[in-house]
Amino acid sequence: MAMVELKCSACGAPLEEVGGKAVCPYCGASYEQEKTQTEREQAAGFEAELERAEAFLLLEHAEEALPLTQELVNKYPGEGRAWSAHLRANLLLLDLSMQEVAARFPETHFESATRGKFFPYSTRDLAGKNKFKRMDLEKMSPPVAAVAANYARANKCLAAAKQAAASLKKLRDPDENLFAQLKRTEDRFGRMSAMIDSSNRKYKRKYVIAYALVGIAFAALFFYFVITKL
């Protein structure tokens, strides 16, 4: 930035830059700084991009807003308003994804007589953390695939929302209302994860019992044939 005054017009002392202004350290006089043409263009570009993202957020079009806010924080990482918009976009998509899981989860309880009434995957599976179990949505029934896709998206949005909140704290531009919303949403995500894992444990337990019964049956048949031949 080019300073309007290099020296204080009141006392003649050299000026110092403080908070975007030129300030005299002796008498306290302050002077506005003149932005360059490039800086003015960058500021105008940021405002236009932010306004577009905010329009989608206002309409709650999270999927359209998120790529715009991601581009904003990539281009303007020092702008608190960019991170705030990115945090809100992730929270909005996270909330929508959790609603989809809540709406479809009961359907997954009634896939077929063989599948039973419990969910076949854990949250570790859905988050892609189980290297021994690859998530193939095309091979799942539609309700299970919907839960799997929305849970994975929610998990990704939560991680991005936490990163945005951390960036806001670093910039010393905290929004306590947004942080409180993030905490509430994280708690809801935790309860949803617990519900899925509880159902998955019951699913696994049912098959352990079924396999154990089959094993007992084969063992009984084996001993029957052995005894009859003696």
C-alpha atoms as a PDB file:
ATOM      1  CA  MET A   1       0.000   0.000   0.000  1.00  0.00           C
ATOM      2  CA  ALA A   2       1.195   3.574  -0.712  1.00  0.00           C
ATOM      3  CA  MET A   3       0.844   5.961   2.254  1.00  0.00           C
ATOM      4  CA  VAL A   4      -0.907   9.289   1.747  1.00  0.00           C
ATOM      5  CA  GLU A   5       1.569  10.859   4.220  1.00  0.00           C
ATOM      6  CA  LEU A   6       5.068   9.632   4.994  1.00  0.00           C
ATOM      7  CA  LYS A   7       5.473  12.037   7.886  1.00  0.00           C
ATOM      8  CA  CYS A   8       3.009  13.411  10.403  1.00  0.00           C
ATOM      9  CA  SER A   9       1.682  16.765   9.266  1.00  0.00           C
ATOM     10  CA  ALA A  10       1.129  17.771  12.908  1.00  0.00           C
ATOM     11  CA  CYS A  11       4.563  17.096  14.381  1.00  0.00           C
ATOM     12  CA  GLY A  12       6.711  15.888  11.477  1.00  0.00           C
ATOM     13  CA  ALA A  13       7.508  12.490  12.998  1.00  0.00           C
ATOM     14  CA  PRO A  14       7.731   9.373  10.811  1.00  0.00           C
ATOM     15  CA  LEU A  15       4.472   7.433  10.527  1.00  0.00           C
ATOM     16  CA  GLU A  16       3.957   3.765  11.406  1.00  0.00           C
ATOM     17  CA  GLU A  17       1.460   1.311   9.924  1.00  0.00           C
ATOM     18  CA  VAL A  18      -1.083   0.129  12.504  1.00  0.00           C
ATOM     19  CA  GLY A  19      -4.266  -1.780  11.591  1.00  0.00           C
ATOM     20  CA  GLY A  20      -4.332  -0.631   7.980  1.00  0.00           C
ATOM     21  CA  LYS A  21      -3.708   3.024   8.875  1.00  0.00           C
ATOM     22  CA  ALA A  22      -0.641   5.262   9.101  1.00  0.00           C
ATOM     23  CA  VAL A  23      -0.331   6.413  12.731  1.00  0.00           C
ATOM     24  CA  CYS A  24       2.038   8.878  14.360  1.00  0.00           C
ATOM     25  CA  PRO A  25       3.630   7.203  17.412  1.00  0.00           C
ATOM     26  CA  TYR A  26       4.247  10.612  19.062  1.00  0.00           C
ATOM     27  CA  CYS A  27       1.095  12.703  18.756  1.00  0.00           C
ATOM     28  CA  GLY A  28      -1.357   9.917  17.812  1.00  0.00           C
ATOM     29  CA  ALA A  29      -2.520  11.413  14.502  1.00  0.00           C
ATOM     30  CA  SER A  30      -3.707   8.801  11.983  1.00  0.00           C
ATOM     31  CA  TYR A  31      -3.896   8.815   8.194  1.00  0.00           C
ATOM     32  CA  GLU A  32      -5.740   6.603   5.728  1.00  0.00           C
ATOM     33  CA  GLN A  33      -3.628   4.540   3.342  1.00  0.00           C
ATOM     34  CA  GLU A  34      -4.219   4.513  -0.368  1.00  0.00           C
ATOM     35  CA  LYS A  35      -4.848   1.129  -1.986  1.00  0.00           C
ATOM     36  CA  THR A  36      -3.172   0.248  -5.250  1.00  0.00           C
ATOM     37  CA  GLN A  37      -5.235  -0.559  -8.337  1.00  0.00           C
ATOM     38  CA  THR A  38      -4.403  -4.273  -7.959  1.00  0.00           C
ATOM     39  CA  GLU A  39      -5.527  -4.286  -4.331  1.00  0.00           C
ATOM     40  CA  ARG A  40      -8.764  -2.537  -5.217  1.00  0.00           C
ATOM     41  CA  GLU A  41      -9.444  -5.112  -7.959  1.00  0.00           C
ATOM     42  CA  GLN A  42      -8.693  -8.010  -5.599  1.00  0.00           C
ATOM     43  CA  ALA A  43     -11.004  -6.569  -2.952  1.00  0.00           C
ATOM     44  CA  ALA A  44     -13.789  -6.112  -5.505  1.00  0.00           C
ATOM     45  CA  GLY A  45     -13.288  -9.671  -6.790  1.00  0.00           C
ATOM     46  CA  PHE A  46     -13.462 -11.087  -3.275  1.00  0.00           C
ATOM     47  CA  GLU A  47     -16.668  -9.203  -2.504  1.00  0.00           C
ATOM     48  CA  ALA A  48     -18.298 -10.411  -5.739  1.00  0.00           C
ATOM     49  CA  GLU A  49     -17.334 -14.048  -5.117  1.00  0.00           C
ATOM     50  CA  LEU A  50     -18.436 -13.867  -1.488  1.00  0.00           C
ATOM     51  CA  GLU A  51     -21.772 -12.334  -2.471  1.00  0.00           C
ATOM     52  CA  ARG A  52     -22.414 -15.183  -4.907  1.00  0.00           C
ATOM     53  CA  ALA A  53     -21.619 -17.811  -2.271  1.00  0.00           C
ATOM     54  CA  GLU A  54     -23.784 -16.013   0.292  1.00  0.00           C
ATOM     55  CA  ALA A  55     -26.714 -16.038  -2.153  1.00  0.00           C
ATOM     56  CA  PHE A  56     -26.602 -19.848  -2.363  1.00  0.00           C
ATOM     57  CA  LEU A  57     -26.233 -20.113   1.421  1.00  0.00           C
ATOM     58  CA  LEU A  58     -29.266 -17.894   1.894  1.00  0.00           C
ATOM     59  CA  LEU A  59     -31.260 -20.265  -0.336  1.00  0.00           C
ATOM     60  CA  GLU A  60     -29.774 -23.251   1.579  1.00  0.00           C
ATOM     61  CA  HIS A  61     -28.305 -24.645  -1.653  1.00  0.00           C
ATOM     62  CA  ALA A  62     -25.351 -26.246   0.111  1.00  0.00           C
ATOM     63  CA  GLU A  63     -24.051 -28.294  -2.818  1.00  0.00           C
ATOM     64  CA  GLU A  64     -23.801 -25.149  -4.971  1.00  0.00           C
ATOM     65  CA  ALA A  65     -22.353 -22.993  -2.184  1.00  0.00           C
ATOM     66  CA  LEU A  66     -19.629 -25.376  -1.026  1.00  0.00           C
ATOM     67  CA  PRO A  67     -17.418 -25.287  -4.179  1.00  0.00           C
ATOM     68  CA  LEU A  68     -17.617 -21.470  -4.127  1.00  0.00           C
ATOM     69  CA  THR A  69     -16.623 -21.191  -0.465  1.00  0.00           C
ATOM     70  CA  GLN A  70     -13.815 -23.717  -1.012  1.00  0.00           C
ATOM     71  CA  GLU A  71     -12.477 -21.539  -3.824  1.00  0.00           C
ATOM     72  CA  LEU A  72     -12.770 -18.476  -1.583  1.00  0.00           C
ATOM     73  CA  VAL A  73     -10.636 -19.937   1.205  1.00  0.00           C
ATOM     74  CA  ASN A  74      -8.107 -21.211  -1.339  1.00  0.00           C
ATOM     75  CA  LYS A  75      -7.747 -17.751  -2.925  1.00  0.00           C
ATOM     76  CA  TYR A  76      -8.179 -15.619   0.197  1.00  0.00           C
ATOM     77  CA  PRO A  77      -6.927 -17.694   3.172  1.00  0.00           C
ATOM     78  CA  GLY A  78      -6.470 -14.571   5.279  1.00  0.00           C
ATOM     79  CA  GLU A  79     -10.103 -13.475   4.981  1.00  0.00           C
ATOM     80  CA  GLY A  80     -12.199 -14.385   8.004  1.00  0.00           C
ATOM     81  CA  ARG A  81     -15.445 -13.922   6.085  1.00  0.00           C
ATOM     82  CA  ALA A  82     -14.338 -16.541   3.550  1.00  0.00           C
ATOM     83  CA  TRP A  83     -13.733 -19.115   6.306  1.00  0.00           C
ATOM     84  CA  SER A  84     -17.005 -18.171   7.979  1.00  0.00           C
ATOM     85  CA  ALA A  85     -18.920 -18.790   4.743  1.00  0.00           C
ATOM     86  CA  HIS A  86     -17.037 -22.077   4.241  1.00  0.00           C
ATOM     87  CA  LEU A  87     -17.907 -23.190   7.772  1.00  0.00           C
ATOM     88  CA  ARG A  88     -21.588 -22.400   7.216  1.00  0.00           C
ATOM     89  CA  ALA A  89     -21.631 -24.221   3.869  1.00  0.00           C
ATOM     90  CA  ASN A  90     -20.156 -27.363   5.432  1.00  0.00           C
ATOM     91  CA  LEU A  91     -22.534 -27.208   8.384  1.00  0.00           C
ATOM     92  CA  LEU A  92     -25.492 -26.864   6.026  1.00  0.00           C
ATOM     93  CA  LEU A  93     -24.465 -29.844   3.878  1.00  0.00           C
ATOM     94  CA  LEU A  94     -23.617 -31.830   7.021  1.00  0.00           C
ATOM     95  CA  ASP A  95     -27.093 -31.190   8.412  1.00  0.00           C
ATOM     96  CA  LEU A  96     -28.769 -32.171   5.126  1.00  0.00           C
ATOM     97  CA  SER A  97     -26.714 -35.366   4.942  1.00  0.00           C
ATOM     98  CA  MET A  98     -27.655 -36.334   8.497  1.00  0.00           C
ATOM     99  CA  GLN A  99     -31.313 -35.732   7.697  1.00  0.00           C
ATOM    100  CA  GLU A 100     -31.010 -38.129   4.762  1.00  0.00           C
ATOM    101  CA  VAL A 101     -29.432 -40.773   7.000  1.00  0.00           C
ATOM    102  CA  ALA A 102     -32.137 -40.344   9.650  1.00  0.00           C
ATOM    103  CA  ALA A 103     -34.885 -40.565   7.036  1.00  0.00           C
ATOM    104  CA  ARG A 104     -33.512 -43.679   5.301  1.00  0.00           C
ATOM    105  CA  PHE A 105     -31.954 -45.601   8.164  1.00  0.00           C
ATOM    106  CA  PRO A 106     -35.190 -47.369   9.230  1.00  0.00           C
ATOM    107  CA  GLU A 107     -35.632 -48.664   5.667  1.00  0.00           C
ATOM    108  CA  THR A 108     -32.346 -50.543   5.919  1.00  0.00           C
ATOM    109  CA  HIS A 109     -33.776 -52.605   8.771  1.00  0.00           C
ATOM    110  CA  PHE A 110     -36.092 -54.497   6.406  1.00  0.00           C
ATOM    111  CA  GLU A 111     -33.974 -55.485   3.431  1.00  0.00           C
ATOM    112  CA  SER A 112     -34.764 -59.186   3.365  1.00  0.00           C
ATOM    113  CA  ALA A 113     -35.339 -62.199   5.562  1.00  0.00           C
ATOM    114  CA  THR A 114     -31.675 -63.190   5.292  1.00  0.00           C
ATOM    115  CA  ARG A 115     -30.275 -59.740   6.052  1.00  0.00           C
ATOM    116  CA  GLY A 116     -32.396 -59.287   9.143  1.00  0.00           C
ATOM    117  CA  LYS A 117     -33.364 -56.032  10.801  1.00  0.00           C
ATOM    118  CA  PHE A 118     -29.935 -54.506  11.453  1.00  0.00           C
ATOM    119  CA  PHE A 119     -27.434 -52.382   9.533  1.00  0.00           C
ATOM    120  CA  PRO A 120     -24.646 -54.378   7.811  1.00  0.00           C
ATOM    121  CA  TYR A 121     -21.835 -51.778   8.083  1.00  0.00           C
ATOM    122  CA  SER A 122     -20.117 -49.929  10.921  1.00  0.00           C
ATOM    123  CA  THR A 123     -19.298 -46.209  10.843  1.00  0.00           C
ATOM    124  CA  ARG A 124     -15.632 -47.195  10.444  1.00  0.00           C
ATOM    125  CA  ASP A 125     -16.620 -49.038   7.258  1.00  0.00           C
ATOM    126  CA  LEU A 126     -18.693 -46.089   6.020  1.00  0.00           C
ATOM    127  CA  ALA A 127     -15.879 -43.603   6.681  1.00  0.00           C
ATOM    128  CA  GLY A 128     -13.510 -45.747   4.585  1.00  0.00           C
ATOM    129  CA  LYS A 129     -11.223 -46.543   7.550  1.00  0.00           C
ATOM    130  CA  ASN A 130     -11.552 -50.318   7.222  1.00  0.00           C
ATOM    131  CA  LYS A 131      -9.017 -51.348   4.591  1.00  0.00           C
ATOM    132  CA  PHE A 132     -10.387 -54.902   4.594  1.00  0.00           C
ATOM    133  CA  LYS A 133     -13.909 -53.842   3.608  1.00  0.00           C
ATOM    134  CA  ARG A 134     -14.281 -51.756   0.451  1.00  0.00           C
ATOM    135  CA  MET A 135     -17.486 -49.755   0.137  1.00  0.00           C
ATOM    136  CA  ASP A 136     -19.099 -50.488  -3.234  1.00  0.00           C
ATOM    137  CA  LEU A 137     -22.353 -48.529  -3.385  1.00  0.00           C
ATOM    138  CA  GLU A 138     -23.436 -50.248  -6.600  1.00  0.00           C
ATOM    139  CA  LYS A 139     -23.550 -53.634  -4.851  1.00  0.00           C
ATOM    140  CA  MET A 140     -25.651 -52.350  -1.943  1.00  0.00           C
ATOM    141  CA  SER A 141     -29.413 -52.159  -1.761  1.00  0.00           C
ATOM    142  CA  PRO A 142     -30.674 -48.592  -2.447  1.00  0.00           C
ATOM    143  CA  PRO A 143     -31.496 -47.760   1.210  1.00  0.00           C
ATOM    144  CA  VAL A 144     -28.114 -48.988   2.449  1.00  0.00           C
ATOM    145  CA  ALA A 145     -26.279 -47.176  -0.356  1.00  0.00           C
ATOM    146  CA  ALA A 146     -28.121 -43.945   0.505  1.00  0.00           C
ATOM    147  CA  VAL A 147     -27.111 -44.216   4.172  1.00  0.00           C
ATOM    148  CA  ALA A 148     -23.509 -45.078   3.249  1.00  0.00           C
ATOM    149  CA  ALA A 149     -23.140 -42.180   0.782  1.00  0.00           C
ATOM    150  CA  ASN A 150     -24.731 -39.588   3.070  1.00  0.00           C
ATOM    151  CA  TYR A 151     -22.787 -40.724   6.137  1.00  0.00           C
ATOM    152  CA  ALA A 152     -19.489 -40.512   4.231  1.00  0.00           C
ATOM    153  CA  ARG A 153     -20.407 -37.024   2.999  1.00  0.00           C
ATOM    154  CA  ALA A 154     -21.426 -35.914   6.501  1.00  0.00           C
ATOM    155  CA  ASN A 155     -18.155 -37.209   7.927  1.00  0.00           C
ATOM    156  CA  LYS A 156     -16.177 -35.270   5.307  1.00  0.00           C
ATOM    157  CA  CYS A 157     -18.165 -32.068   5.937  1.00  0.00           C
ATOM    158  CA  LEU A 158     -17.614 -32.319   9.682  1.00  0.00           C
ATOM    159  CA  ALA A 159     -13.844 -32.534   9.179  1.00  0.00           C
ATOM    160  CA  ALA A 160     -13.924 -29.515   6.834  1.00  0.00           C
ATOM    161  CA  ALA A 161     -16.106 -27.547   9.267  1.00  0.00           C
ATOM    162  CA  LYS A 162     -13.618 -28.181  12.090  1.00  0.00           C
ATOM    163  CA  GLN A 163     -10.764 -27.012   9.854  1.00  0.00           C
ATOM    164  CA  ALA A 164     -12.682 -23.820   8.995  1.00  0.00           C
ATOM    165  CA  ALA A 165     -13.347 -23.159  12.694  1.00  0.00           C
ATOM    166  CA  ALA A 166      -9.656 -23.650  13.482  1.00  0.00           C
ATOM    167  CA  SER A 167      -8.715 -21.179  10.731  1.00  0.00           C
ATOM    168  CA  LEU A 168     -11.133 -18.592  12.140  1.00  0.00           C
ATOM    169  CA  LYS A 169      -9.528 -18.961  15.564  1.00  0.00           C
ATOM    170  CA  LYS A 170      -6.065 -18.472  14.073  1.00  0.00           C
ATOM    171  CA  LEU A 171      -7.263 -15.299  12.365  1.00  0.00           C
ATOM    172  CA  ARG A 172      -8.715 -14.180  15.703  1.00  0.00           C
ATOM    173  CA  ASP A 173     -12.059 -13.783  14.011  1.00  0.00           C
ATOM    174  CA  PRO A 174     -14.243 -16.156  16.074  1.00  0.00           C
ATOM    175  CA  ASP A 175     -17.980 -16.408  15.597  1.00  0.00           C
ATOM    176  CA  GLU A 176     -19.310 -17.846  18.845  1.00  0.00           C
ATOM    177  CA  ASN A 177     -22.737 -18.580  17.360  1.00  0.00           C
ATOM    178  CA  LEU A 178     -21.168 -20.590  14.526  1.00  0.00           C
ATOM    179  CA  PHE A 179     -18.876 -22.413  16.942  1.00  0.00           C
ATOM    180  CA  ALA A 180     -21.865 -23.305  19.132  1.00  0.00           C
ATOM    181  CA  GLN A 181     -23.734 -24.570  16.065  1.00  0.00           C
ATOM    182  CA  LEU A 182     -20.707 -26.685  15.122  1.00  0.00           C
ATOM    183  CA  LYS A 183     -20.627 -28.202  18.621  1.00  0.00           C
ATOM    184  CA  ARG A 184     -24.362 -29.047  18.510  1.00  0.00           C
ATOM    185  CA  THR A 185     -24.024 -30.567  15.043  1.00  0.00           C
ATOM    186  CA  GLU A 186     -20.979 -32.591  16.086  1.00  0.00           C
ATOM    187  CA  ASP A 187     -22.959 -33.969  19.046  1.00  0.00           C
ATOM    188  CA  ARG A 188     -25.816 -34.970  16.719  1.00  0.00           C
ATOM    189  CA  PHE A 189     -23.348 -36.658  14.382  1.00  0.00           C
ATOM    190  CA  GLY A 190     -21.942 -38.587  17.325  1.00  0.00           C
ATOM    191  CA  ARG A 191     -25.407 -39.817  18.347  1.00  0.00           C
ATOM    192  CA  MET A 192     -26.163 -40.842  14.768  1.00  0.00           C
ATOM    193  CA  SER A 193     -22.863 -42.741  14.563  1.00  0.00           C
ATOM    194  CA  ALA A 194     -23.637 -44.524  17.826  1.00  0.00           C
ATOM    195  CA  MET A 195     -27.044 -45.569  16.472  1.00  0.00           C
ATOM    196  CA  ILE A 196     -25.485 -47.056  13.318  1.00  0.00           C
ATOM    197  CA  ASP A 197     -22.759 -48.872  15.250  1.00  0.00           C
ATOM    198  CA  SER A 198     -25.286 -50.272  17.722  1.00  0.00           C
ATOM    199  CA  SER A 199     -27.344 -51.679  14.861  1.00  0.00           C
ATOM    200  CA  ASN A 200     -24.218 -53.080  13.211  1.00  0.00           C
ATOM    201  CA  ARG A 201     -23.162 -54.869  16.393  1.00  0.00           C
ATOM    202  CA  LYS A 202     -26.566 -56.552  16.561  1.00  0.00           C
ATOM    203  CA  TYR A 203     -26.231 -57.478  12.887  1.00  0.00           C
ATOM    204  CA  LYS A 204     -22.827 -59.086  13.500  1.00  0.00           C
ATOM    205  CA  ARG A 205     -24.051 -60.816  16.661  1.00  0.00           C
ATOM    206  CA  LYS A 206     -26.931 -62.375  14.753  1.00  0.00           C
ATOM    207  CA  TYR A 207     -24.571 -63.853  12.156  1.00  0.00           C
ATOM    208  CA  VAL A 208     -22.115 -65.062  14.792  1.00  0.00           C
ATOM    209  CA  ILE A 209     -24.974 -66.947  16.443  1.00  0.00           C
ATOM    210  CA  ALA A 210     -26.163 -68.282  13.071  1.00  0.00           C
ATOM    211  CA  TYR A 211     -22.673 -69.505  12.114  1.00  0.00           C
ATOM    212  CA  ALA A 212     -22.222 -71.043  15.556  1.00  0.00           C
ATOM    213  CA  LEU A 213     -25.488 -72.962  15.175  1.00  0.00           C
ATOM    214  CA  VAL A 214     -24.439 -74.181  11.730  1.00  0.00           C
ATOM    215  CA  GLY A 215     -21.106 -75.269  13.153  1.00  0.00           C
ATOM    216  CA  ILE A 216     -22.817 -77.149  15.981  1.00  0.00           C
ATOM    217  CA  ALA A 217     -25.144 -78.836  13.476  1.00  0.00           C
ATOM    218  CA  PHE A 218     -22.227 -80.010  11.313  1.00  0.00           C
ATOM    219  CA  ALA A 219     -20.372 -81.249  14.401  1.00  0.00           C
ATOM    220  CA  ALA A 220     -23.448 -83.168  15.549  1.00  0.00           C
ATOM    221  CA  LEU A 221     -23.826 -84.781  12.117  1.00  0.00           C
ATOM    222  CA  PHE A 222     -20.148 -85.700  12.101  1.00  0.00           C
ATOM    223  CA  PHE A 223     -20.359 -87.419  15.496  1.00  0.00           C
ATOM    224  CA  TYR A 224     -23.614 -89.130  14.468  1.00  0.00           C
ATOM    225  CA  PHE A 225     -21.948 -90.732  11.442  1.00  0.00           C
ATOM    226  CA  VAL A 226     -18.893 -91.675  13.471  1.00  0.00           C
ATOM    227  CA  ILE A 227     -20.994 -93.312  16.187  1.00  0.00           C
ATOM    228  CA  THR A 228     -23.260 -95.174  13.713  1.00  0.00           C
ATOM    229  CA  LYS A 229     -20.227 -96.700  11.990  1.00  0.00           C
ATOM    230  CA  LEU A 230     -18.694 -97.991  15.199  1.00  0.00           C
END
